[in-house]
Protein backbone atom coordinates (compact mmCIF):
# COMPACT_ATOMS: atom_id res chain seq x y z
CA MET A 1 99.28 105.50 114.77
CA MET A 2 97.57 108.44 115.74
CA SER A 3 93.72 110.05 115.67
CA SER A 4 93.14 112.55 113.67
CA ILE A 5 90.49 115.72 113.42
CA ILE A 6 88.14 115.90 110.25
CA ASN A 7 88.82 118.34 108.24
CA GLN A 8 85.47 117.97 105.63
CA SER A 9 86.50 121.13 103.97
CA ALA A 10 89.92 119.85 102.41
CA ALA A 11 89.33 119.22 99.18
CA PHE A 12 91.45 116.94 98.35
CA GLU A 13 92.50 114.93 101.04
CA TYR A 14 92.90 111.10 102.38
CA GLY A 15 90.80 111.13 105.14
CA ALA A 16 87.94 111.67 102.97
CA CYS A 17 88.66 108.57 100.36
CA PHE A 18 89.39 106.25 103.69
CA LYS A 19 86.11 107.54 105.47
CA TYR A 20 84.01 106.45 102.67
CA ALA A 21 85.31 103.12 101.94
CA CYS A 22 85.95 102.20 105.59
CA GLY A 23 84.42 104.19 107.80
CA TYR A 24 84.82 106.30 110.46
CA ARG A 25 86.52 104.52 113.08
CA VAL A 26 88.91 102.69 111.28
CA TYR A 27 89.12 106.22 109.28
CA ASN A 28 90.38 108.06 112.71
CA ARG A 29 93.27 105.75 113.24
CA ILE A 30 95.08 105.61 109.91
CA ILE A 31 93.80 108.10 107.43
CA LEU A 32 96.48 110.61 105.29
CA ARG A 33 95.54 114.08 105.40
CA GLU A 34 98.09 115.32 103.19
CA PHE A 35 95.71 117.27 100.37
CA ASN A 36 95.07 119.71 103.01
CA GLY A 37 98.87 120.39 104.16
CA ASN A 38 98.55 118.39 107.30
CA PRO A 39 100.76 116.08 108.51
CA ILE A 40 100.73 112.38 107.38
CA MET A 41 99.09 109.98 110.64
CA ASN A 42 101.53 108.73 112.51
CA THR A 43 99.80 105.13 111.78
CA LEU A 44 100.43 105.11 108.04
CA ARG A 45 103.54 106.69 108.21
CA ALA A 46 105.02 104.20 110.16
CA VAL A 47 103.13 101.16 108.24
CA LEU A 48 104.73 102.93 104.89
CA ALA A 49 108.15 102.89 106.74
CA ALA A 50 107.70 99.91 108.15
CA ILE A 51 107.97 98.59 104.34
CA PHE A 52 111.57 99.07 104.20
CA LEU A 53 112.37 98.49 107.83
CA LEU A 54 111.50 94.79 108.54
CA PRO A 55 113.97 92.69 110.72
CA ALA A 56 116.16 90.57 108.50
CA ILE A 57 114.78 87.03 108.19
CA ALA A 58 116.14 83.96 106.90
CA LEU A 59 114.92 83.55 102.92
CA ALA A 60 111.34 82.96 102.14
CA HIS A 61 109.31 83.30 98.97
CA PRO A 62 110.45 85.87 96.53
CA ALA A 63 108.22 88.45 97.49
CA GLU A 64 108.99 88.64 101.26
CA ASP A 65 112.54 88.47 99.94
CA LEU A 66 111.94 91.81 97.76
CA ILE A 67 110.72 93.21 101.12
CA LYS A 68 113.31 91.98 103.25
CA GLN A 69 116.16 93.08 100.95
CA LEU A 70 114.59 96.91 100.43
CA THR A 71 115.14 96.95 104.81
CA ASN A 72 118.42 95.90 104.59
CA ASP A 73 119.07 98.66 101.96
CA LEU A 74 117.27 101.58 103.74
CA ILE A 75 118.67 100.73 107.08
CA ALA A 76 121.78 101.02 105.84
CA ALA A 77 120.92 104.12 104.65
CA LEU A 78 119.33 105.67 106.97
CA ASP A 79 122.31 104.88 109.54
CA ASN A 80 124.33 107.20 107.67
CA PRO A 81 125.23 109.74 109.38
CA GLU A 82 124.53 112.18 106.61
CA ALA A 83 120.66 111.07 106.71
CA LYS A 84 120.71 112.53 110.15
CA GLY A 85 117.32 115.73 109.88
CA ASN A 86 118.37 115.55 106.01
CA SER A 87 115.21 114.67 104.04
CA GLU A 88 116.80 114.71 100.85
CA PHE A 89 119.16 112.66 101.28
CA VAL A 90 116.06 110.12 102.79
CA ARG A 91 114.24 111.35 99.24
CA GLN A 92 117.41 110.20 97.27
CA VAL A 93 117.42 106.84 99.03
CA VAL A 94 113.71 106.41 98.07
CA ASP A 95 113.98 107.46 94.61
CA LYS A 96 116.45 105.18 93.78
CA ASP A 97 116.46 102.44 95.91
CA VAL A 98 113.11 101.99 96.56
CA LEU A 99 110.13 103.10 94.21
CA PRO A 100 111.47 101.11 91.36
CA HIS A 101 110.40 98.18 93.55
CA ILE A 102 106.28 99.83 93.08
CA ASP A 103 104.19 99.15 89.97
CA PHE A 104 102.86 102.81 89.60
CA ASP A 105 101.84 101.67 85.77
CA LEU A 106 98.98 99.34 87.36
CA MET A 107 98.94 101.38 90.94
CA THR A 108 98.17 104.56 88.81
CA LYS A 109 95.45 102.90 86.84
CA LEU A 110 93.61 101.08 89.84
CA THR A 111 93.59 104.06 91.27
CA VAL A 112 91.88 106.31 88.27
CA GLY A 113 89.90 103.12 87.56
CA LYS A 114 87.47 103.34 84.61
CA HIS A 115 88.68 106.93 84.19
CA TRP A 116 92.14 105.12 82.57
CA LYS A 117 90.31 104.31 79.96
CA THR A 118 89.30 107.78 78.56
CA ALA A 119 92.50 109.36 79.42
CA THR A 120 94.73 110.00 76.56
CA PRO A 121 97.84 109.09 76.12
CA GLU A 122 99.76 111.81 77.51
CA GLN A 123 97.65 112.03 80.40
CA ARG A 124 98.51 108.68 81.23
CA VAL A 125 101.93 109.35 81.28
CA SER A 126 100.92 112.52 83.11
CA LEU A 127 99.25 110.15 85.85
CA VAL A 128 101.53 107.87 86.62
CA SER A 129 104.16 110.71 87.17
CA GLU A 130 102.57 112.19 89.36
CA PHE A 131 101.45 109.60 91.48
CA ARG A 132 104.72 108.39 91.58
CA ASP A 133 105.63 112.20 93.07
CA LEU A 134 103.00 112.28 95.37
CA LEU A 135 104.06 108.50 96.66
CA LEU A 136 107.72 109.87 96.78
CA ASN A 137 106.82 112.83 99.02
CA THR A 138 104.77 110.32 101.23
CA TYR A 139 107.54 107.48 101.62
CA THR A 140 110.48 110.43 102.35
CA LYS A 141 108.06 112.08 105.07
CA ALA A 142 107.44 108.53 106.73
CA LEU A 143 110.83 107.43 106.58
CA ASP A 144 112.09 111.18 107.90
CA GLU A 145 109.73 110.00 111.67
CA TYR A 146 110.67 106.51 111.65
CA SER A 147 111.40 105.97 115.36
CA GLY A 148 112.37 102.10 116.31
CA GLN A 149 108.79 100.27 115.19
CA SER A 150 109.00 97.14 113.76
CA MET A 151 107.46 94.70 111.90
CA GLU A 152 106.52 90.92 112.45
CA PHE A 153 106.17 88.80 109.43
CA LEU A 154 102.29 86.37 109.61
CA PRO A 155 103.38 82.88 107.98
CA PHE A 156 103.56 83.38 104.27
CA LYS A 157 100.42 80.98 102.21
CA GLU A 158 100.55 80.63 98.26
CA GLY A 159 97.89 82.14 96.55
CA LYS A 160 96.43 80.70 93.14
CA ARG A 161 98.66 82.57 91.13
CA ASP A 162 102.25 81.87 90.86
CA ASP A 163 102.04 85.73 89.77
CA ARG A 164 100.23 87.29 92.14
CA ALA A 165 101.64 87.37 96.15
CA GLU A 166 100.48 88.89 99.95
CA VAL A 167 103.18 89.24 102.48
CA LYS A 168 100.97 89.40 105.81
CA THR A 169 102.46 91.27 108.94
CA LEU A 170 101.92 92.94 112.04
CA PHE A 171 103.21 96.16 112.40
CA LYS A 172 104.43 96.84 115.86
CA ASP A 173 104.60 100.57 117.90
CA PRO A 174 105.13 100.66 122.02
CA ALA A 175 102.88 103.91 121.69
CA ALA A 176 99.94 102.13 120.10
CA SER A 177 97.28 99.81 121.81
CA ALA A 178 97.71 96.91 119.94
CA ASP A 179 99.66 95.51 116.73
CA ILE A 180 98.05 96.65 113.07
CA PRO A 181 97.59 94.58 110.07
CA VAL A 182 99.32 95.21 107.28
CA ASP A 183 99.36 93.32 104.10
CA TYR A 184 101.43 93.96 100.88
CA LYS A 185 100.43 92.81 97.98
CA LEU A 186 103.04 92.01 94.87
CA ARG A 187 102.43 90.99 91.31
CA MET A 188 105.24 89.41 89.42
CA LYS A 189 105.61 91.32 86.03
CA ASP A 190 109.51 91.18 85.05
CA ASN A 191 110.23 91.12 88.49
CA TRP A 192 108.04 91.39 92.00
CA LEU A 193 106.35 94.74 92.19
CA ILE A 194 104.10 96.36 95.27
CA TYR A 195 100.84 97.28 94.28
CA ASP A 196 98.87 98.10 97.01
CA ILE A 197 99.25 98.14 100.68
CA GLU A 198 96.47 96.78 102.91
CA VAL A 199 96.07 98.13 106.99
CA GLU A 200 93.65 96.54 108.55
CA ASN A 201 92.13 95.29 105.63
CA ILE A 202 92.19 98.77 103.98
CA SER A 203 93.56 99.65 100.82
CA LEU A 204 95.64 102.21 100.01
CA VAL A 205 94.82 102.28 96.90
CA LEU A 206 91.12 101.80 96.91
CA GLY A 207 91.11 104.90 99.66
CA TYR A 208 93.24 106.67 96.48
CA LYS A 209 90.41 105.92 93.87
CA SER A 210 87.59 106.80 95.79
CA GLU A 211 88.86 110.58 96.07
CA PHE A 212 90.44 110.80 92.71
CA SER A 213 87.00 109.70 91.37
CA SER A 214 85.49 112.59 93.05
CA GLN A 215 88.24 115.08 91.73
CA ILE A 216 87.48 113.42 88.16
CA LYS A 217 83.75 114.40 88.73
CA LYS A 218 84.09 118.14 88.80
CA GLY A 219 87.45 118.49 86.63
CA GLY A 220 87.96 115.31 84.60
CA VAL A 221 91.31 113.83 84.26
CA ALA A 222 93.01 117.10 83.34
CA GLY A 223 91.76 118.73 86.73
CA LEU A 224 92.84 115.27 88.95
CA ILE A 225 96.42 116.53 86.85
CA THR A 226 96.07 119.85 88.06
CA ALA A 227 95.48 118.88 91.55
CA LEU A 228 97.92 116.30 91.67
CA GLU A 229 100.94 118.73 90.31
CA THR A 230 99.52 121.67 92.71
CA LYS A 231 100.26 119.46 95.92
CA ASN A 232 103.37 117.88 94.05
CA GLY A 233 104.51 121.16 94.24
CA LYS A 234 104.71 122.17 90.27
């Protein structure tokens, strides 16, 4: 939803990973600059928030129902006067009501890629934990900046696998020049869990994967864990 200046020197910048994955034009419109300590771009801020701020619609596929239920829960929480200007309150809501519906095990494994096989059991636990904290921080900031954007569902299409679903939407922001396609990918484990978000066909997982791979080349899996801990304020 907003453009940002590229900072090539940022060692752990969201922008870098999406620049490599999808090119300069989309990069300028979508990418985060979190690892550099800069604000999240409005496009991805609002997109991340929008998963929880969709209008209530009649029941459809269970994967869609999940996202809509998250909507109701989050709106009810954000309407609480205690939520106004209270990031810690919003953070607790996200932690309790949202994160349990994200497949952090699969998401972390996908972002780490081939290096997951060489990570020790202890390192895998740390990677999942740090990645969870990273997304908790991101979602909290996204919801802190929500300002009335909306989401339109596109017709749901069944996929080839019963344990996979893709919920296609259009993100609508009065301040943007055009609607932005946002797709949510989910898998059935014990229940439906979100494992990726695509913005204009650009995968959040692939973006992290590119930057994580760069960090691992510099300092191994241990170096990635250290960088994540630093980013998460530990």
